[in-house]
Amino acid sequence: MYFPDLTPYEYGQTEPQPNVLNVGWLSAAQAFPVGIPDEQLVRAVERLIASPVNLTRGWHFCEFCPKPAKTVSPGRIRMLDPAARTLGNGEIRVASAAGIIYVAPLLVLHYVVAHGYLPPQEFIDAVIEWSAT
């Protein structure tokens, strides 16, 4: 599901709030900024994804990676076998000192590390500030 960075978060809501913003809702059909990942950002996002919120019943596979291979379970059910951290089913949220809440999919860490996604600087600053507390 694609939402441009820093647009009002609307997933599952009827009315967006101006202080709750999207970050990292990428799509293979849309270009995104790239850069070298900041190690502080990577470590902080690793901590954030350990406690996801707004979990869903389904999964979203990374659109930039090859489609996952299929495997057969012991019960003979054909299943997808995705690589580690290439699928997500929830979100992370982090608030800035200014009261802006950034909402990103769990795949944001994968996007940063594997695909060079460069989130907006204000999100990076909020995540690093959160990790220092």
Protein backbone atom coordinates (compact mmCIF):
# COMPACT_ATOMS: atom_id res chain seq x y z
CA MET A 1 0.00 0.00 0.00
CA TYR A 2 1.51 3.32 -1.07
CA PHE A 3 1.22 6.63 0.75
CA PRO A 4 3.60 9.53 -0.01
CA ASP A 5 5.96 10.46 2.83
CA LEU A 6 4.74 13.13 5.24
CA THR A 7 1.13 12.97 4.09
CA PRO A 8 -1.64 12.61 6.69
CA TYR A 9 -2.03 9.02 7.89
CA GLU A 10 -5.39 7.64 6.75
CA TYR A 11 -5.06 3.85 6.91
CA GLY A 12 -8.24 2.54 8.52
CA GLN A 13 -9.36 5.99 9.60
CA THR A 14 -12.22 8.09 8.31
CA GLU A 15 -10.66 11.42 9.20
CA PRO A 16 -6.91 12.12 9.00
CA GLN A 17 -5.20 14.03 11.79
CA PRO A 18 -2.72 16.75 10.73
CA ASN A 19 -0.10 15.65 13.29
CA VAL A 20 -0.05 11.93 12.27
CA LEU A 21 2.05 11.42 9.13
CA ASN A 22 3.01 8.56 6.81
CA VAL A 23 6.62 7.50 6.31
CA GLY A 24 7.93 4.57 4.29
CA TRP A 25 4.74 3.27 2.68
CA LEU A 26 6.57 2.43 -0.54
CA SER A 27 5.47 0.90 -3.83
CA ALA A 28 7.41 -0.50 -6.76
CA ALA A 29 5.36 1.84 -8.97
CA GLN A 30 6.73 4.97 -7.24
CA ALA A 31 10.28 6.35 -7.02
CA PHE A 32 11.66 6.97 -3.53
CA PRO A 33 14.70 8.81 -2.14
CA VAL A 34 17.80 6.69 -1.58
CA GLY A 35 20.91 7.08 0.52
CA ILE A 36 23.32 5.32 2.83
CA PRO A 37 21.51 4.19 5.99
CA ASP A 38 22.47 5.86 9.25
CA GLU A 39 23.51 3.15 11.75
CA GLN A 40 21.75 4.96 14.60
CA LEU A 41 18.55 4.93 12.55
CA VAL A 42 18.91 1.22 11.76
CA ARG A 43 19.48 0.28 15.42
CA ALA A 44 16.57 2.44 16.61
CA VAL A 45 14.15 1.07 14.00
CA GLU A 46 15.21 -2.48 14.95
CA ARG A 47 14.08 -1.67 18.50
CA LEU A 48 10.81 -0.14 17.28
CA ILE A 49 9.83 -3.08 15.08
CA ALA A 50 10.23 -5.40 18.06
CA SER A 51 6.97 -3.90 19.41
CA PRO A 52 4.69 -3.36 16.41
CA VAL A 53 1.24 -1.81 16.57
CA ASN A 54 -1.90 -2.00 14.41
CA LEU A 55 -1.22 -5.60 13.43
CA THR A 56 -3.22 -7.04 10.55
CA ARG A 57 -4.32 -10.58 9.79
CA GLY A 58 -2.54 -10.64 6.43
CA TRP A 59 0.99 -9.95 5.26
CA HIS A 60 2.49 -7.50 2.80
CA PHE A 61 5.49 -8.78 0.83
CA CYS A 62 8.30 -6.45 -0.23
CA GLU A 63 7.50 -5.34 -3.78
CA PHE A 64 11.18 -4.71 -4.57
CA CYS A 65 12.40 -8.23 -3.81
CA PRO A 66 11.85 -11.29 -6.03
CA LYS A 67 8.63 -13.15 -5.30
CA PRO A 68 9.11 -15.64 -2.47
CA ALA A 69 9.66 -19.29 -3.30
CA LYS A 70 6.99 -21.83 -2.49
CA THR A 71 7.50 -24.74 -0.15
CA VAL A 72 5.35 -27.70 0.87
CA SER A 73 4.44 -28.02 4.54
CA PRO A 74 4.47 -31.39 6.35
CA GLY A 75 0.69 -31.42 5.78
CA ARG A 76 1.30 -31.10 2.00
CA ILE A 77 0.06 -27.50 1.85
CA ARG A 78 1.87 -25.26 -0.64
CA MET A 79 3.08 -22.13 1.17
CA LEU A 80 5.20 -19.11 0.35
CA ASP A 81 8.64 -19.11 1.97
CA PRO A 82 9.77 -15.45 2.09
CA ALA A 83 13.27 -14.36 3.04
CA ALA A 84 13.65 -12.94 6.56
CA ARG A 85 12.26 -9.44 7.09
CA THR A 86 10.72 -9.20 3.61
CA LEU A 87 7.13 -9.15 4.82
CA GLY A 88 5.20 -7.07 7.28
CA ASN A 89 1.87 -7.03 9.02
CA GLY A 90 1.89 -3.94 11.21
CA GLU A 91 3.30 -0.54 11.94
CA ILE A 92 5.70 1.38 14.09
CA ARG A 93 4.94 4.80 15.49
CA VAL A 94 7.28 7.41 16.86
CA ALA A 95 6.53 10.91 18.11
CA SER A 96 8.74 13.93 17.64
CA ALA A 97 9.38 16.57 20.30
CA ALA A 98 7.08 18.84 18.26
CA GLY A 99 4.17 16.41 18.68
CA ILE A 100 4.21 14.94 15.17
CA ILE A 101 3.55 11.19 15.13
CA TYR A 102 5.20 9.30 12.28
CA VAL A 103 3.64 5.99 11.23
CA ALA A 104 5.70 3.54 9.17
CA PRO A 105 5.11 -0.05 8.07
CA LEU A 106 7.21 -2.79 9.69
CA LEU A 107 8.93 -3.17 6.33
CA VAL A 108 10.56 0.24 6.74
CA LEU A 109 13.69 -1.36 8.22
CA HIS A 110 13.97 -3.71 5.25
CA TYR A 111 13.43 -0.81 2.83
CA VAL A 112 16.23 1.18 4.49
CA VAL A 113 18.75 -1.66 4.78
CA ALA A 114 18.06 -3.70 1.64
CA HIS A 115 16.85 -1.06 -0.81
CA GLY A 116 18.55 2.14 0.36
CA TYR A 117 15.32 3.99 1.18
CA LEU A 118 16.12 7.34 2.79
CA PRO A 119 13.25 8.43 5.04
CA PRO A 120 12.59 12.14 5.60
CA GLN A 121 15.13 13.75 7.92
CA GLU A 122 12.47 14.73 10.44
CA PHE A 123 11.50 11.05 10.82
CA ILE A 124 15.16 10.07 11.22
CA ASP A 125 15.61 12.78 13.87
CA ALA A 126 12.48 11.65 15.77
CA VAL A 127 13.55 7.98 15.72
CA ILE A 128 17.09 8.75 16.89
CA GLU A 129 15.77 11.10 19.59
CA TRP A 130 13.32 8.39 20.74
CA SER A 131 16.14 5.85 20.95
CA ALA A 132 18.18 8.15 23.18
CA THR A 133 15.46 8.12 25.85
